[in-house]
Amino acid sequence: MNLIYNSEQYSVVEFGADRDLEALRFGGYEIVDKGCKREIFIAGVLAQSFRRDVNQLIASEPTMEEIDEFLGSYESVMSQPVLLH
């Protein structure tokens, strides 16, 4: 588990691949919207797509606002309330 991004609005934790756990076969990401107190855990194909999109975003040397805007595109699928963070 590795905190890879943390702003006032969002945090992203990366979970490494674990071949023994199907949910983490390709790794995964927990994205937390601090303001709305919601989160999502993505794994599998969605995690691979997220990783690819993040790598492209980083290559453009984005501002923190641009990163937050990118993460905001996941708000519509964040349905888990944050209980203990």
C-alpha atoms as a PDB file:
ATOM      1  CA  MET A   1       0.000   0.000   0.000  1.00  0.00           C
ATOM      2  CA  ASN A   2       1.428   3.348  -1.064  1.00  0.00           C
ATOM      3  CA  LEU A   3      -0.045   6.855  -0.830  1.00  0.00           C
ATOM      4  CA  ILE A   4       0.609   8.218  -4.318  1.00  0.00           C
ATOM      5  CA  TYR A   5      -1.406  11.452  -4.213  1.00  0.00           C
ATOM      6  CA  ASN A   6      -2.756  13.704  -1.502  1.00  0.00           C
ATOM      7  CA  SER A   7      -4.379  17.120  -1.900  1.00  0.00           C
ATOM      8  CA  GLU A   8      -6.979  19.017   0.089  1.00  0.00           C
ATOM      9  CA  GLN A   9      -9.712  17.385  -2.010  1.00  0.00           C
ATOM     10  CA  TYR A  10      -8.446  13.891  -2.919  1.00  0.00           C
ATOM     11  CA  SER A  11      -6.119  11.120  -1.861  1.00  0.00           C
ATOM     12  CA  VAL A  12      -5.105   8.068  -3.874  1.00  0.00           C
ATOM     13  CA  VAL A  13      -3.618   4.903  -2.403  1.00  0.00           C
ATOM     14  CA  GLU A  14      -2.063   2.299  -4.676  1.00  0.00           C
ATOM     15  CA  PHE A  15      -2.198  -1.376  -3.740  1.00  0.00           C
ATOM     16  CA  GLY A  16       0.441  -3.572  -5.351  1.00  0.00           C
ATOM     17  CA  ALA A  17      -0.386  -6.624  -7.398  1.00  0.00           C
ATOM     18  CA  ASP A  18      -1.026  -9.797  -5.413  1.00  0.00           C
ATOM     19  CA  ARG A  19      -1.388 -12.924  -7.553  1.00  0.00           C
ATOM     20  CA  ASP A  20      -2.934 -14.801  -4.602  1.00  0.00           C
ATOM     21  CA  LEU A  21      -5.902 -12.407  -4.367  1.00  0.00           C
ATOM     22  CA  GLU A  22      -8.100 -12.168  -7.444  1.00  0.00           C
ATOM     23  CA  ALA A  23      -9.212  -8.614  -6.555  1.00  0.00           C
ATOM     24  CA  LEU A  24      -5.572  -7.473  -6.544  1.00  0.00           C
ATOM     25  CA  ARG A  25      -4.256  -9.588  -9.405  1.00  0.00           C
ATOM     26  CA  PHE A  26      -3.351  -6.401 -11.278  1.00  0.00           C
ATOM     27  CA  GLY A  27      -3.149  -4.161  -8.228  1.00  0.00           C
ATOM     28  CA  GLY A  28      -5.719  -1.589  -7.280  1.00  0.00           C
ATOM     29  CA  TYR A  29      -6.397   1.979  -6.251  1.00  0.00           C
ATOM     30  CA  GLU A  30      -8.470   3.599  -3.553  1.00  0.00           C
ATOM     31  CA  ILE A  31      -9.596   7.104  -4.502  1.00  0.00           C
ATOM     32  CA  VAL A  32     -11.038   9.229  -1.682  1.00  0.00           C
ATOM     33  CA  ASP A  33     -12.984  12.450  -2.167  1.00  0.00           C
ATOM     34  CA  LYS A  34     -12.334  14.131   1.163  1.00  0.00           C
ATOM     35  CA  GLY A  35     -14.920  16.884   0.728  1.00  0.00           C
ATOM     36  CA  CYS A  36     -17.812  14.537  -0.064  1.00  0.00           C
ATOM     37  CA  LYS A  37     -16.492  11.793   2.227  1.00  0.00           C
ATOM     38  CA  ARG A  38     -16.876   9.133  -0.464  1.00  0.00           C
ATOM     39  CA  GLU A  39     -14.467   6.637  -1.940  1.00  0.00           C
ATOM     40  CA  ILE A  40     -14.053   3.957  -4.533  1.00  0.00           C
ATOM     41  CA  PHE A  41     -11.714   0.992  -4.819  1.00  0.00           C
ATOM     42  CA  ILE A  42     -10.856   0.093  -8.392  1.00  0.00           C
ATOM     43  CA  ALA A  43      -9.133  -3.088  -9.490  1.00  0.00           C
ATOM     44  CA  GLY A  44      -8.707  -5.236 -12.568  1.00  0.00           C
ATOM     45  CA  VAL A  45      -9.219  -3.685 -15.986  1.00  0.00           C
ATOM     46  CA  LEU A  46     -10.403  -0.386 -14.496  1.00  0.00           C
ATOM     47  CA  ALA A  47      -7.210  -0.169 -12.406  1.00  0.00           C
ATOM     48  CA  GLN A  48      -5.110  -0.817 -15.503  1.00  0.00           C
ATOM     49  CA  SER A  49      -6.968   1.926 -17.360  1.00  0.00           C
ATOM     50  CA  PHE A  50      -6.575   4.306 -14.401  1.00  0.00           C
ATOM     51  CA  ARG A  51      -2.823   3.579 -14.260  1.00  0.00           C
ATOM     52  CA  ARG A  52      -2.465   4.257 -17.988  1.00  0.00           C
ATOM     53  CA  ASP A  53      -4.431   7.519 -17.756  1.00  0.00           C
ATOM     54  CA  VAL A  54      -2.417   8.655 -14.722  1.00  0.00           C
ATOM     55  CA  ASN A  55       0.856   7.942 -16.530  1.00  0.00           C
ATOM     56  CA  GLN A  56      -0.317  10.045 -19.484  1.00  0.00           C
ATOM     57  CA  LEU A  57      -1.400  12.828 -17.146  1.00  0.00           C
ATOM     58  CA  ILE A  58       1.920  12.826 -15.288  1.00  0.00           C
ATOM     59  CA  ALA A  59       3.807  13.032 -18.588  1.00  0.00           C
ATOM     60  CA  SER A  60       2.138  16.405 -19.200  1.00  0.00           C
ATOM     61  CA  GLU A  61       3.465  17.738 -15.851  1.00  0.00           C
ATOM     62  CA  PRO A  62       0.005  18.725 -14.556  1.00  0.00           C
ATOM     63  CA  THR A  63      -0.815  21.168 -11.800  1.00  0.00           C
ATOM     64  CA  MET A  64      -2.484  19.930  -8.631  1.00  0.00           C
ATOM     65  CA  GLU A  65      -5.735  21.466  -9.905  1.00  0.00           C
ATOM     66  CA  GLU A  66      -5.500  19.434 -13.120  1.00  0.00           C
ATOM     67  CA  ILE A  67      -4.900  16.248 -11.145  1.00  0.00           C
ATOM     68  CA  ASP A  68      -7.877  17.022  -8.907  1.00  0.00           C
ATOM     69  CA  GLU A  69      -9.988  17.658 -12.012  1.00  0.00           C
ATOM     70  CA  PHE A  70      -8.941  14.265 -13.411  1.00  0.00           C
ATOM     71  CA  LEU A  71      -9.817  12.534 -10.132  1.00  0.00           C
ATOM     72  CA  GLY A  72     -13.121  14.391 -10.093  1.00  0.00           C
ATOM     73  CA  SER A  73     -14.100  12.439 -13.195  1.00  0.00           C
ATOM     74  CA  TYR A  74     -14.470   9.419 -10.879  1.00  0.00           C
ATOM     75  CA  GLU A  75     -16.940  11.145  -8.523  1.00  0.00           C
ATOM     76  CA  SER A  76     -19.966   9.654 -10.271  1.00  0.00           C
ATOM     77  CA  VAL A  77     -18.850   6.137  -9.317  1.00  0.00           C
ATOM     78  CA  MET A  78     -17.753   6.942  -5.761  1.00  0.00           C
ATOM     79  CA  SER A  79     -20.535   5.411  -3.729  1.00  0.00           C
ATOM     80  CA  GLN A  80     -18.800   4.084  -0.635  1.00  0.00           C
ATOM     81  CA  PRO A  81     -19.012   6.457   2.334  1.00  0.00           C
ATOM     82  CA  VAL A  82     -15.721   7.090   4.105  1.00  0.00           C
ATOM     83  CA  LEU A  83     -16.088   5.803   7.631  1.00  0.00           C
ATOM     84  CA  LEU A  84     -12.559   5.514   8.996  1.00  0.00           C
ATOM     85  CA  HIS A  85      -9.951   7.728   7.356  1.00  0.00           C
END
